[in-house]
């Protein structure tokens, strides 16, 4: 591998990981529509790389990535696909909470999906694969500009396909488009000015254990399963005031998981790369299972392809977990020698 290839390896991996995680393993881009992978890679991969570059140039942490991931979701689902407003696309209106021209339950779910599955998990996996470079930007200004152009082209192609070919009869009201645009810009601006909390000074207190990786993965699996429950609410919870109950619980769930992860991984805790991988593994299992039993269930070929891809992904994740465990043992032994 030459220097240039090695330098851009993390970028190329992230470009592939985002569409693989969010689309292929979920079954949204199945075997029967593999031709869509090119524009999907441009928007998903390009978006994930852009989010990471903007966030890591401002420092470590995940708050900026979450904010930028939410902006990414609004651009894709609100402005390009219009699924936040079109009640017929993906049956988004039937999911629940249709009011004032907005599919509220679908919008909440899809923002969370993109923040976690399209952006955060691929970035986390890429940084675990390249630990020596996890805290630094991977591109220069020209590289960021090139990826930005690729991402923009992907968004425009997606918008053209859905607005003029797939759903030509639907038009989002101008007020909602303007509101979505302003909200996305506001989230990006907030992410760029976000000031991370100062690092805690060294403490003489003993290092505390974090929960076992399997336990963290199980909690993440259950939380992700509950999040996907927004897509299949009881009919009585889909309309009227009662729809606020699952939507509020969804916000509480997301905030609670963020607080829990922050506590588990805080300085002074024995948090490792194995824990981080487990947090990604749990939600990935949920999306792969949902993709197999629901997303691709209407086409046996697509279901077989999605299932096979999921099995391969699980095996690779398990092998990677073993590698991380060995890497942790080597690091621990080196620390003892020093």
Protein backbone atom coordinates (compact mmCIF):
# COMPACT_ATOMS: atom_id res chain seq x y z
CA UNK A 1 0.00 0.00 0.00
CA UNK A 2 1.56 3.32 -1.06
CA UNK A 3 1.55 6.44 1.11
CA UNK A 4 -1.35 8.12 -0.65
CA UNK A 5 -3.57 5.05 -0.41
CA UNK A 6 -2.66 4.59 3.26
CA UNK A 7 -3.38 8.25 3.97
CA UNK A 8 -6.89 8.11 2.55
CA UNK A 9 -7.74 4.58 3.71
CA UNK A 10 -9.94 5.76 6.63
CA UNK A 11 -11.89 8.04 4.29
CA UNK A 12 -12.50 5.26 1.79
CA UNK A 13 -13.58 2.89 4.55
CA UNK A 14 -16.05 5.44 5.95
CA UNK A 15 -17.38 6.15 2.45
CA UNK A 16 -18.30 2.47 2.18
CA UNK A 17 -19.38 1.85 5.78
CA UNK A 18 -22.17 4.44 5.89
CA UNK A 19 -24.23 3.15 2.93
CA UNK A 20 -23.43 -0.42 3.94
CA UNK A 21 -24.75 0.06 7.49
CA UNK A 22 -27.68 2.36 6.77
CA UNK A 23 -28.90 0.99 3.44
CA UNK A 24 -27.56 -2.44 2.49
CA UNK A 25 -27.70 -4.20 5.88
CA UNK A 26 -31.06 -2.56 6.57
CA UNK A 27 -32.38 -3.76 3.22
CA UNK A 28 -33.35 -0.30 1.99
CA UNK A 29 -30.99 -0.75 -0.97
CA UNK A 30 -31.44 -4.45 -1.81
CA UNK A 31 -29.99 -6.67 -4.52
CA UNK A 32 -32.77 -5.73 -6.93
CA UNK A 33 -31.75 -2.05 -6.74
CA UNK A 34 -27.98 -2.25 -6.56
CA UNK A 35 -27.77 0.40 -9.28
CA UNK A 36 -28.80 2.94 -6.65
CA UNK A 37 -25.59 2.31 -4.70
CA UNK A 38 -23.64 5.00 -6.56
CA UNK A 39 -25.83 7.98 -5.58
CA UNK A 40 -26.49 6.36 -2.19
CA UNK A 41 -22.75 6.15 -1.54
CA UNK A 42 -22.35 9.78 -2.59
CA UNK A 43 -24.94 11.03 -0.12
CA UNK A 44 -24.40 8.58 2.76
CA UNK A 45 -20.65 8.12 2.51
CA UNK A 46 -20.03 11.72 1.53
CA UNK A 47 -22.29 12.94 4.31
CA UNK A 48 -20.60 10.79 6.96
CA UNK A 49 -17.14 11.94 5.89
CA UNK A 50 -18.23 15.59 5.91
CA UNK A 51 -19.81 15.25 9.34
CA UNK A 52 -16.68 13.67 10.77
CA UNK A 53 -14.33 16.21 9.22
CA UNK A 54 -16.35 19.18 10.49
CA UNK A 55 -16.66 17.64 13.95
CA UNK A 56 -13.08 16.46 14.42
CA UNK A 57 -11.65 19.79 13.30
CA UNK A 58 -13.43 21.28 16.30
CA UNK A 59 -12.23 18.61 18.71
CA UNK A 60 -13.12 15.19 20.15
CA UNK A 61 -16.49 14.05 21.41
CA UNK A 62 -19.81 13.11 19.87
CA UNK A 63 -22.14 16.05 20.55
CA UNK A 64 -21.16 17.78 17.31
CA UNK A 65 -21.55 14.55 15.36
CA UNK A 66 -25.08 14.13 16.74
CA UNK A 67 -26.04 17.71 15.79
CA UNK A 68 -24.54 17.40 12.32
CA UNK A 69 -26.17 13.98 11.91
CA UNK A 70 -29.55 15.52 12.68
CA UNK A 71 -28.91 18.21 10.05
CA UNK A 72 -27.95 15.46 7.59
CA UNK A 73 -31.25 13.68 8.29
CA UNK A 74 -33.28 16.83 7.64
CA UNK A 75 -31.48 17.49 4.35
CA UNK A 76 -32.05 13.94 3.11
CA UNK A 77 -35.51 13.13 4.44
CA UNK A 78 -36.99 16.63 4.53
CA UNK A 79 -35.51 18.38 1.51
CA UNK A 80 -34.42 15.61 -0.89
CA UNK A 81 -36.86 12.73 -0.31
CA UNK A 82 -39.62 14.82 1.32
CA UNK A 83 -40.54 11.77 3.42
CA UNK A 84 -41.04 13.97 6.48
CA UNK A 85 -43.99 15.58 4.70
CA UNK A 86 -45.24 13.13 2.05
CA UNK A 87 -47.77 10.84 3.79
CA UNK A 88 -47.62 8.22 1.02
CA UNK A 89 -43.85 7.79 0.66
CA UNK A 90 -42.73 4.81 2.78
CA UNK A 91 -46.26 4.95 4.29
CA UNK A 92 -44.83 7.64 6.54
CA UNK A 93 -48.24 9.15 7.20
CA UNK A 94 -49.58 5.83 8.50
CA UNK A 95 -46.77 5.54 11.05
CA UNK A 96 -48.56 8.19 13.09
CA UNK A 97 -48.63 11.79 14.22
CA UNK A 98 -49.64 13.30 10.88
CA UNK A 99 -50.39 16.97 11.62
CA UNK A 100 -49.84 20.36 9.94
CA UNK A 101 -48.41 18.63 6.88
CA UNK A 102 -45.70 16.81 8.84
CA UNK A 103 -45.30 13.08 9.51
CA UNK A 104 -44.14 13.64 13.09
CA UNK A 105 -43.52 10.08 14.27
CA UNK A 106 -41.71 9.15 11.07
CA UNK A 107 -39.66 12.36 11.28
CA UNK A 108 -38.61 11.58 14.84
CA UNK A 109 -37.69 8.01 13.98
CA UNK A 110 -35.80 8.86 10.81
CA UNK A 111 -33.74 11.61 12.47
CA UNK A 112 -32.70 9.13 15.15
CA UNK A 113 -31.98 6.48 12.53
CA UNK A 114 -29.70 8.72 10.52
CA UNK A 115 -27.92 10.12 13.58
CA UNK A 116 -27.14 6.62 14.88
CA UNK A 117 -27.05 4.25 11.89
CA UNK A 118 -26.09 6.51 8.97
CA UNK A 119 -23.55 8.70 10.76
CA UNK A 120 -22.44 7.71 14.28
CA UNK A 121 -22.01 3.94 13.90
CA UNK A 122 -20.02 4.16 10.63
CA UNK A 123 -17.77 6.87 12.11
CA UNK A 124 -17.27 4.83 15.28
CA UNK A 125 -16.37 1.70 13.31
CA UNK A 126 -13.97 3.59 11.05
CA UNK A 127 -12.22 5.17 14.03
CA UNK A 128 -11.94 1.78 15.72
CA UNK A 129 -10.34 0.41 12.56
CA UNK A 130 -7.81 3.25 12.52
CA UNK A 131 -7.19 3.98 16.22
CA UNK A 132 -3.99 5.95 15.69
CA UNK A 133 -5.89 8.53 13.62
CA UNK A 134 -9.23 8.62 15.41
CA UNK A 135 -8.74 12.09 16.90
CA UNK A 136 -7.43 13.86 13.80
CA UNK A 137 -9.03 15.10 10.56
CA UNK A 138 -8.52 12.77 7.64
CA UNK A 139 -8.72 15.31 4.82
CA UNK A 140 -7.27 18.67 3.94
CA UNK A 141 -9.32 21.61 2.72
CA UNK A 142 -9.25 20.46 -0.90
CA UNK A 143 -10.34 16.96 0.12
CA UNK A 144 -13.22 18.35 2.18
CA UNK A 145 -14.28 20.49 -0.78
CA UNK A 146 -14.22 17.49 -3.12
CA UNK A 147 -16.28 15.37 -0.73
CA UNK A 148 -18.66 18.30 -0.30
CA UNK A 149 -19.22 18.45 -4.05
CA UNK A 150 -19.77 14.67 -4.21
CA UNK A 151 -22.27 14.87 -1.35
CA UNK A 152 -24.11 17.80 -2.95
CA UNK A 153 -24.36 15.95 -6.26
CA UNK A 154 -25.74 12.93 -4.41
CA UNK A 155 -28.39 15.05 -2.69
CA UNK A 156 -29.38 16.68 -5.99
CA UNK A 157 -29.63 13.33 -7.79
CA UNK A 158 -31.74 11.94 -4.95
CA UNK A 159 -33.98 15.01 -4.94
CA UNK A 160 -34.41 14.87 -8.73
CA UNK A 161 -35.25 11.15 -8.64
CA UNK A 162 -37.88 11.45 -5.94
CA UNK A 163 -39.37 14.82 -6.85
CA UNK A 164 -39.66 14.28 -10.60
CA UNK A 165 -39.74 10.49 -11.09
CA UNK A 166 -40.80 8.55 -7.99
CA UNK A 167 -43.26 11.02 -6.39
CA UNK A 168 -43.93 13.66 -9.08
CA UNK A 169 -47.39 14.51 -7.74
CA UNK A 170 -46.25 15.62 -4.29
CA UNK A 171 -44.81 19.02 -3.46
CA UNK A 172 -43.79 20.09 0.03
CA UNK A 173 -45.31 23.44 1.00
CA UNK A 174 -42.81 26.27 0.72
CA UNK A 175 -43.12 27.13 4.42
CA UNK A 176 -42.11 23.61 5.44
CA UNK A 177 -39.17 23.56 3.03
CA UNK A 178 -37.99 26.93 4.34
CA UNK A 179 -38.39 25.75 7.92
CA UNK A 180 -36.44 22.56 7.21
CA UNK A 181 -33.65 24.53 5.55
CA UNK A 182 -33.37 26.96 8.45
CA UNK A 183 -33.41 24.13 10.99
CA UNK A 184 -30.64 22.25 9.17
CA UNK A 185 -28.53 25.41 8.93
CA UNK A 186 -29.17 26.13 12.61
CA UNK A 187 -28.03 22.65 13.64
CA UNK A 188 -24.85 22.96 11.59
CA UNK A 189 -24.15 26.38 13.09
CA UNK A 190 -24.75 25.09 16.61
CA UNK A 191 -22.41 22.15 16.00
CA UNK A 192 -19.64 24.44 14.76
CA UNK A 193 -19.84 26.80 17.74
CA UNK A 194 -20.39 24.04 20.29
CA UNK A 195 -17.80 24.21 23.06
CA UNK A 196 -16.84 20.91 24.59
CA UNK A 197 -16.60 20.67 28.35
CA UNK A 198 -13.01 21.14 29.59
CA UNK A 199 -11.12 17.98 30.36
CA UNK A 200 -11.22 16.95 33.98
CA UNK A 201 -7.95 17.32 35.89
CA UNK A 202 -6.17 14.10 36.87
CA UNK A 203 -7.77 12.47 39.88
CA UNK A 204 -6.26 10.33 42.61
CA UNK A 205 -9.47 8.33 42.88
CA UNK A 206 -9.22 4.67 41.82
CA UNK A 207 -10.32 3.84 38.30
CA UNK A 208 -13.83 2.40 38.27
CA UNK A 209 -14.98 -0.43 36.04
CA UNK A 210 -17.38 0.22 33.20
CA UNK A 211 -20.17 -2.30 32.59
CA UNK A 212 -19.07 -5.40 30.71
CA UNK A 213 -19.11 -4.91 26.92
CA UNK A 214 -21.84 -7.53 26.51
CA UNK A 215 -24.05 -5.65 28.96
CA UNK A 216 -23.53 -2.35 27.15
CA UNK A 217 -24.32 -4.06 23.87
CA UNK A 218 -27.48 -5.59 25.32
CA UNK A 219 -28.69 -2.23 26.63
CA UNK A 220 -28.00 -0.66 23.22
CA UNK A 221 -29.84 -3.53 21.51
CA UNK A 222 -32.92 -3.06 23.70
CA UNK A 223 -32.87 0.72 23.25
CA UNK A 224 -32.58 0.36 19.47
CA UNK A 225 -35.43 -2.15 19.47
CA UNK A 226 -37.59 0.30 21.40
CA UNK A 227 -36.69 3.03 18.90
CA UNK A 228 -37.80 0.85 15.99
CA UNK A 229 -41.04 0.33 17.88
CA UNK A 230 -41.99 3.84 16.74
CA UNK A 231 -42.58 2.32 13.30
CA UNK A 232 -45.23 -0.09 14.59
CA UNK A 233 -47.25 1.74 17.21
CA UNK A 234 -50.70 0.51 18.28
CA UNK A 235 -53.32 2.24 16.14
CA UNK A 236 -54.76 4.05 19.13
CA UNK A 237 -51.34 5.69 19.66
CA UNK A 238 -50.97 6.95 16.09
CA UNK A 239 -53.44 9.83 16.16
CA UNK A 240 -54.68 12.49 18.49
CA UNK A 241 -53.11 13.47 21.77
CA UNK A 242 -52.04 9.90 22.56
CA UNK A 243 -49.37 10.03 19.86
CA UNK A 244 -47.44 12.39 22.13
CA UNK A 245 -46.87 9.52 24.56
CA UNK A 246 -44.57 7.37 22.34
CA UNK A 247 -42.96 10.47 20.85
CA UNK A 248 -42.10 11.81 24.30
CA UNK A 249 -40.86 8.39 25.40
CA UNK A 250 -38.64 8.34 22.31
CA UNK A 251 -37.02 11.62 23.31
CA UNK A 252 -36.56 10.38 26.88
CA UNK A 253 -35.03 7.14 25.55
CA UNK A 254 -32.54 9.00 23.35
CA UNK A 255 -31.57 11.43 26.11
CA UNK A 256 -31.30 8.62 28.65
CA UNK A 257 -29.02 6.54 26.43
CA UNK A 258 -26.81 9.56 25.73
CA UNK A 259 -26.50 10.26 29.46
CA UNK A 260 -25.82 6.60 30.23
CA UNK A 261 -23.09 6.29 27.61
CA UNK A 262 -21.55 9.54 28.81
CA UNK A 263 -21.46 8.19 32.36
CA UNK A 264 -20.07 4.79 31.36
CA UNK A 265 -17.30 6.26 29.19
CA UNK A 266 -16.39 9.17 31.48
CA UNK A 267 -12.76 9.73 32.54
CA UNK A 268 -11.91 7.47 35.43
CA UNK A 269 -13.82 4.51 33.98
CA UNK A 270 -12.28 1.45 32.34
CA UNK A 271 -13.93 2.11 28.99
CA UNK A 272 -12.32 0.29 26.07
CA UNK A 273 -12.70 -0.10 22.33
CA UNK A 274 -14.54 -3.35 23.04
CA UNK A 275 -17.23 -1.35 24.84
CA UNK A 276 -17.52 1.03 21.89
CA UNK A 277 -17.88 -1.83 19.42
CA UNK A 278 -20.56 -3.43 21.60
CA UNK A 279 -22.55 -0.18 21.52
CA UNK A 280 -22.50 -0.36 17.72
CA UNK A 281 -23.16 -4.11 17.57
CA UNK A 282 -26.46 -3.93 19.48
CA UNK A 283 -28.23 -1.40 17.22
CA UNK A 284 -26.81 -3.07 14.11
CA UNK A 285 -28.42 -6.36 15.09
CA UNK A 286 -31.76 -4.60 15.46
CA UNK A 287 -31.60 -2.93 12.05
CA UNK A 288 -30.47 -6.13 10.33
CA UNK A 289 -33.29 -8.14 11.91
CA UNK A 290 -35.83 -5.47 11.02
CA UNK A 291 -34.52 -5.37 7.47
CA UNK A 292 -34.84 -9.15 7.11
CA UNK A 293 -38.30 -9.58 8.61
CA UNK A 294 -39.93 -6.37 7.40
CA UNK A 295 -38.04 -4.28 4.82
CA UNK A 296 -37.16 -7.09 2.37
CA UNK A 297 -39.93 -9.54 3.33
CA UNK A 298 -41.86 -8.91 0.11
CA UNK A 299 -39.06 -10.11 -2.17
CA UNK A 300 -37.39 -13.44 -1.44
CA UNK A 301 -34.30 -12.64 -3.50
CA UNK A 302 -33.80 -9.33 -1.71
CA UNK A 303 -34.45 -11.02 1.63
CA UNK A 304 -31.88 -13.71 0.89
CA UNK A 305 -29.32 -11.11 -0.15
CA UNK A 306 -29.94 -8.96 2.91
CA UNK A 307 -29.80 -12.00 5.18
CA UNK A 308 -26.53 -13.20 3.68
CA UNK A 309 -24.99 -9.74 3.98
CA UNK A 310 -26.13 -9.55 7.60
CA UNK A 311 -24.59 -12.93 8.47
CA UNK A 312 -21.29 -11.86 6.92
CA UNK A 313 -21.45 -8.57 8.83
CA UNK A 314 -22.07 -10.34 12.15
CA UNK A 315 -19.13 -12.70 11.57
CA UNK A 316 -16.84 -9.78 10.68
CA UNK A 317 -17.95 -7.85 13.75
CA UNK A 318 -17.25 -10.85 15.97
CA UNK A 319 -13.79 -11.26 14.45
CA UNK A 320 -13.18 -7.56 14.93
CA UNK A 321 -14.26 -7.84 18.57
CA UNK A 322 -11.68 -10.59 19.04
CA UNK A 323 -9.04 -8.40 17.43
CA UNK A 324 -9.92 -5.50 19.72
CA UNK A 325 -9.67 -7.76 22.75
CA UNK A 326 -6.19 -8.88 21.68
CA UNK A 327 -5.22 -5.27 20.99
CA UNK A 328 -6.37 -4.33 24.48
CA UNK A 329 -4.31 -7.12 26.04
CA UNK A 330 -1.19 -5.99 24.18
CA UNK A 331 -1.73 -2.39 25.29
CA UNK A 332 -2.24 -3.50 28.90
CA UNK A 333 0.96 -5.57 28.87
CA UNK A 334 2.92 -2.68 27.37
CA UNK A 335 1.59 -0.37 30.08
CA UNK A 336 2.71 -2.79 32.81
CA UNK A 337 6.20 -3.02 31.35
CA UNK A 338 6.51 0.76 31.34
